Amino acid sequence: MDSFLLNITMKSIEEENKDLDWNPSGTSMTVGLSDGSVSIVSFLESKLEIQEEWKAHDFELWTTAFDIHQPNLVYTGSDDCKFSCWDLRDGPSNLVFQNSKAHKMGVCCIQKSSHDPNSLVTGSYDETLRLWDLRTISKPVNETSIGLGGGVWRVKHHPYIPNLVLAACMHNGFAIVFVKGNEVLETYKKHDSLAYGVDWQKGEANHRVERTKPIVATCSFYDKLVRVWKPENEINL
């Protein structure tokens, strides 16, 4: 019955859903839509309800994410090459900042670091992973950024190791990147299709100090393949 209620409620969002993210409390989601709009959807008592919706971008919106340290902030990225931040406290149209110069193609993914409240990474079709300091958002921390040789579709910060990021690079496999050192530590190309999804193993099994080869799960698009693997190199940072 719960699934039935949720499916009916979500039909009120008519555009194609492109990405979503839970807020830290688990009571609402930010949902990116194909027409460039963003919806804030509450989840209370097994029901979904659209709380706010606004036009955030001119073209297709690829990614949206809550700020895990300041849940009143929502980030968005779009095919219009813009990376934006919105404050939910003052109304759905309150734009905190918008960078339209750094990304040369569409912004595919945004993820805040859980280790540093001022650090955030973005990925783009322009094959570049960018590290940002939210206190100086006019340009990335490293203007050359990190070229990964494929559209950076998804990124994941390591749950315990600061500055270690896993990236799905579409036509160029997967990469483990030390973002503060601007260094690609390892690449993985054993999928025969678009590198599309990626995550680190979480929990105590991946938190032990002596473990130097974290476990990774990756998936690819056309061949519907999931792989679980360890880096060949030691991760010593």
Protein backbone atom coordinates (compact mmCIF):
# COMPACT_ATOMS: atom_id res chain seq x y z
CA MET A 1 0.00 0.00 0.00
CA ASP A 2 2.83 2.46 0.82
CA SER A 3 4.47 2.04 -2.60
CA PHE A 4 1.11 2.54 -4.30
CA LEU A 5 0.55 5.84 -2.47
CA LEU A 6 4.04 7.11 -3.31
CA ASN A 7 3.74 6.27 -7.00
CA ILE A 8 0.43 8.10 -7.33
CA THR A 9 1.77 11.21 -5.57
CA MET A 10 4.89 11.38 -7.76
CA LYS A 11 2.78 11.50 -10.93
CA SER A 12 2.22 15.19 -10.18
CA ILE A 13 5.84 15.74 -11.30
CA GLU A 14 5.22 15.57 -15.05
CA GLU A 15 8.74 16.15 -16.34
CA GLU A 16 11.33 13.38 -16.48
CA ASN A 17 13.26 13.05 -13.20
CA LYS A 18 17.03 13.31 -13.77
CA ASP A 19 18.55 13.17 -10.28
CA LEU A 20 17.57 13.32 -6.62
CA ASP A 21 19.17 13.61 -3.20
CA TRP A 22 17.89 13.20 0.36
CA ASN A 23 18.45 15.95 2.88
CA PRO A 24 20.52 14.89 5.94
CA SER A 25 17.44 14.34 8.12
CA GLY A 26 15.78 12.09 5.54
CA THR A 27 12.56 14.14 5.57
CA SER A 28 12.75 15.62 2.07
CA MET A 29 14.38 15.23 -1.33
CA THR A 30 15.58 17.60 -4.00
CA VAL A 31 14.54 16.33 -7.45
CA GLY A 32 16.00 17.63 -10.71
CA LEU A 33 13.73 17.68 -13.76
CA SER A 34 14.40 17.56 -17.48
CA ASP A 35 12.93 21.03 -18.11
CA GLY A 36 15.53 22.67 -15.83
CA SER A 37 13.26 22.85 -12.78
CA VAL A 38 13.91 21.67 -9.24
CA SER A 39 11.33 20.22 -6.85
CA ILE A 40 11.66 19.94 -3.07
CA VAL A 41 9.57 16.92 -2.09
CA SER A 42 8.74 16.17 1.55
CA PHE A 43 8.47 12.61 2.86
CA LEU A 44 6.30 12.43 5.96
CA GLU A 45 4.04 9.64 7.22
CA SER A 46 4.73 7.51 4.11
CA LYS A 47 3.53 10.25 1.76
CA LEU A 48 5.31 12.44 -0.77
CA GLU A 49 4.30 16.06 -1.27
CA ILE A 50 5.86 18.77 -3.43
CA GLN A 51 6.77 21.66 -1.14
CA GLU A 52 8.47 23.96 -3.65
CA GLU A 53 9.30 23.99 -7.33
CA TRP A 54 11.16 26.56 -9.39
CA LYS A 55 12.89 27.02 -12.74
CA ALA A 56 16.60 26.78 -11.92
CA HIS A 57 18.20 26.40 -15.36
CA ASP A 58 17.56 27.08 -19.04
CA PHE A 59 18.31 23.53 -20.20
CA GLU A 60 18.12 19.97 -18.90
CA LEU A 61 19.08 19.66 -15.24
CA TRP A 62 21.48 16.76 -14.69
CA THR A 63 22.23 16.91 -10.96
CA THR A 64 20.97 18.32 -7.68
CA ALA A 65 22.19 17.86 -4.11
CA PHE A 66 21.59 19.10 -0.58
CA ASP A 67 24.46 20.64 1.36
CA ILE A 68 25.04 18.05 4.11
CA HIS A 69 26.39 20.72 6.48
CA GLN A 70 23.79 23.40 5.69
CA PRO A 71 20.58 21.59 4.62
CA ASN A 72 18.91 24.88 3.73
CA LEU A 73 21.20 25.02 0.67
CA VAL A 74 20.61 23.07 -2.55
CA TYR A 75 23.10 22.79 -5.44
CA THR A 76 22.14 22.26 -9.08
CA GLY A 77 24.00 21.60 -12.33
CA SER A 78 22.67 21.64 -15.87
CA ASP A 79 23.30 21.24 -19.57
CA ASP A 80 23.54 25.05 -19.68
CA CYS A 81 27.04 24.70 -18.09
CA LYS A 82 25.90 26.50 -14.93
CA PHE A 83 26.66 25.39 -11.35
CA SER A 84 24.23 27.02 -8.92
CA CYS A 85 23.32 27.21 -5.23
CA TRP A 86 19.88 28.03 -3.81
CA ASP A 87 18.77 28.98 -0.28
CA LEU A 88 15.45 27.40 0.72
CA ARG A 89 14.91 29.68 3.72
CA ASP A 90 13.98 32.78 1.74
CA GLY A 91 11.87 31.34 -1.02
CA PRO A 92 12.47 28.96 -3.96
CA SER A 93 13.92 31.62 -6.26
CA ASN A 94 16.67 32.90 -3.96
CA LEU A 95 19.92 32.33 -5.85
CA VAL A 96 23.00 32.27 -3.59
CA PHE A 97 25.52 32.00 -6.43
CA GLN A 98 25.80 30.81 -10.02
CA ASN A 99 29.04 30.02 -11.83
CA SER A 100 28.66 29.96 -15.62
CA LYS A 101 32.32 30.28 -16.64
CA ALA A 102 34.22 27.29 -15.19
CA HIS A 103 32.44 24.37 -16.92
CA LYS A 104 32.86 24.19 -20.69
CA MET A 105 30.01 21.68 -21.08
CA GLY A 106 27.05 20.44 -19.03
CA VAL A 107 27.46 19.90 -15.27
CA CYS A 108 26.74 16.23 -14.56
CA CYS A 109 27.36 15.75 -10.83
CA ILE A 110 27.89 17.66 -7.58
CA GLN A 111 29.02 16.27 -4.24
CA LYS A 112 29.88 17.99 -0.98
CA SER A 113 32.71 16.59 1.13
CA SER A 114 31.60 15.18 4.48
CA HIS A 115 35.08 15.93 5.87
CA ASP A 116 35.31 19.63 4.99
CA PRO A 117 32.25 21.95 5.13
CA ASN A 118 33.86 24.29 2.58
CA SER A 119 34.86 21.66 0.00
CA LEU A 120 32.79 20.47 -2.95
CA VAL A 121 33.50 18.69 -6.25
CA THR A 122 31.73 18.90 -9.60
CA GLY A 123 31.94 16.74 -12.70
CA SER A 124 31.16 17.75 -16.26
CA TYR A 125 30.80 16.45 -19.79
CA ASP A 126 33.97 18.46 -20.48
CA GLU A 127 35.91 15.52 -18.92
CA THR A 128 37.10 17.55 -15.92
CA LEU A 129 36.71 17.03 -12.17
CA ARG A 130 36.74 20.36 -10.34
CA LEU A 131 37.44 21.04 -6.66
CA TRP A 132 35.77 24.10 -5.14
CA ASP A 133 36.20 26.10 -1.97
CA LEU A 134 32.71 27.44 -1.21
CA ARG A 135 34.20 30.57 0.35
CA THR A 136 35.64 31.62 -3.04
CA ILE A 137 33.19 30.29 -5.60
CA SER A 138 34.30 32.53 -8.50
CA LYS A 139 36.73 29.85 -9.66
CA PRO A 140 37.79 26.27 -8.74
CA VAL A 141 40.59 25.74 -6.20
CA ASN A 142 42.85 24.51 -8.99
CA GLU A 143 42.08 26.30 -12.24
CA THR A 144 43.55 23.52 -14.35
CA SER A 145 41.44 21.01 -12.40
CA ILE A 146 41.74 17.29 -13.06
CA GLY A 147 41.28 15.97 -16.60
CA LEU A 148 39.90 12.42 -16.56
CA GLY A 149 39.55 11.73 -20.27
CA GLY A 150 35.80 11.09 -20.18
CA GLY A 151 32.65 12.88 -19.14
CA VAL A 152 32.56 12.88 -15.33
CA TRP A 153 29.06 11.51 -14.75
CA ARG A 154 29.16 10.55 -11.06
CA VAL A 155 31.53 11.18 -8.14
CA LYS A 156 31.70 9.78 -4.60
CA HIS A 157 33.86 10.97 -1.72
CA HIS A 158 35.41 8.19 0.34
CA PRO A 159 33.39 7.88 3.59
CA TYR A 160 36.49 8.01 5.83
CA ILE A 161 39.52 9.24 3.84
CA PRO A 162 39.47 13.02 3.15
CA ASN A 163 40.09 14.21 -0.42
CA LEU A 164 39.80 10.72 -1.94
CA VAL A 165 37.19 10.66 -4.71
CA LEU A 166 35.87 7.93 -6.98
CA ALA A 167 34.67 9.05 -10.42
CA ALA A 168 32.64 7.38 -13.18
CA CYS A 169 34.10 8.80 -16.40
CA MET A 170 31.64 7.54 -19.02
CA HIS A 171 33.80 6.62 -22.07
CA ASN A 172 37.02 6.36 -20.04
CA GLY A 173 36.16 3.94 -17.23
CA PHE A 174 36.53 4.77 -13.54
CA ALA A 175 39.15 6.76 -11.65
CA ILE A 176 40.35 7.04 -8.05
CA VAL A 177 41.48 10.62 -7.51
CA PHE A 178 43.27 12.48 -4.72
CA VAL A 179 41.69 15.88 -5.33
CA LYS A 180 43.90 18.03 -3.08
CA GLY A 181 46.99 16.66 -4.80
CA ASN A 182 45.44 16.90 -8.27
CA GLU A 183 46.46 13.27 -8.77
CA VAL A 184 44.81 10.29 -10.46
CA LEU A 185 45.87 7.33 -8.28
CA GLU A 186 44.34 4.57 -10.38
CA THR A 187 42.01 3.90 -13.31
CA TYR A 188 39.71 0.91 -13.87
CA LYS A 189 38.59 -0.08 -17.39
CA LYS A 190 37.16 -3.59 -17.08
CA HIS A 191 33.68 -2.50 -18.12
CA ASP A 192 32.85 -2.59 -21.83
CA SER A 193 30.22 0.13 -21.68
CA LEU A 194 29.60 3.66 -20.35
CA ALA A 195 30.91 4.09 -16.80
CA TYR A 196 27.77 5.27 -15.06
CA GLY A 197 27.52 4.40 -11.36
CA VAL A 198 30.08 4.15 -8.58
CA ASP A 199 30.38 3.89 -4.79
CA TRP A 200 32.75 2.97 -1.98
CA GLN A 201 31.99 0.20 0.49
CA LYS A 202 30.74 1.74 3.71
CA GLY A 203 30.66 0.55 7.32
CA GLU A 204 33.31 -0.85 9.63
CA ALA A 205 34.65 -3.23 6.99
CA ASN A 206 36.11 -0.26 5.14
CA HIS A 207 37.09 1.81 8.18
CA ARG A 208 39.90 -0.22 9.65
CA VAL A 209 43.18 1.65 9.70
CA GLU A 210 45.14 -1.29 8.33
CA ARG A 211 43.02 -1.51 5.18
CA THR A 212 44.86 0.21 2.35
CA LYS A 213 42.77 -1.17 -0.52
CA PRO A 214 39.18 0.00 -0.13
CA ILE A 215 36.43 -1.99 -1.86
CA VAL A 216 34.63 -0.35 -4.76
CA ALA A 217 31.40 -1.12 -6.64
CA THR A 218 30.95 0.11 -10.21
CA CYS A 219 28.27 -0.31 -12.85
CA SER A 220 28.00 0.37 -16.56
CA PHE A 221 25.13 1.39 -18.81
CA TYR A 222 24.51 -0.66 -21.94
CA ASP A 223 25.86 -4.02 -20.72
CA LYS A 224 23.95 -3.77 -17.39
CA LEU A 225 27.08 -4.91 -15.52
CA VAL A 226 28.03 -4.49 -11.85
CA ARG A 227 31.58 -5.17 -10.64
CA VAL A 228 33.04 -5.18 -7.12
CA TRP A 229 36.82 -4.71 -6.97
CA LYS A 230 39.84 -3.48 -5.04
CA PRO A 231 42.45 -1.06 -6.36
CA GLU A 232 45.66 -2.70 -7.55
CA ASN A 233 47.74 -0.01 -5.87
CA GLU A 234 48.00 0.74 -2.15
CA ILE A 235 46.09 3.86 -1.16
CA ASN A 236 48.49 5.60 1.21
CA LEU A 237 47.70 9.28 1.73
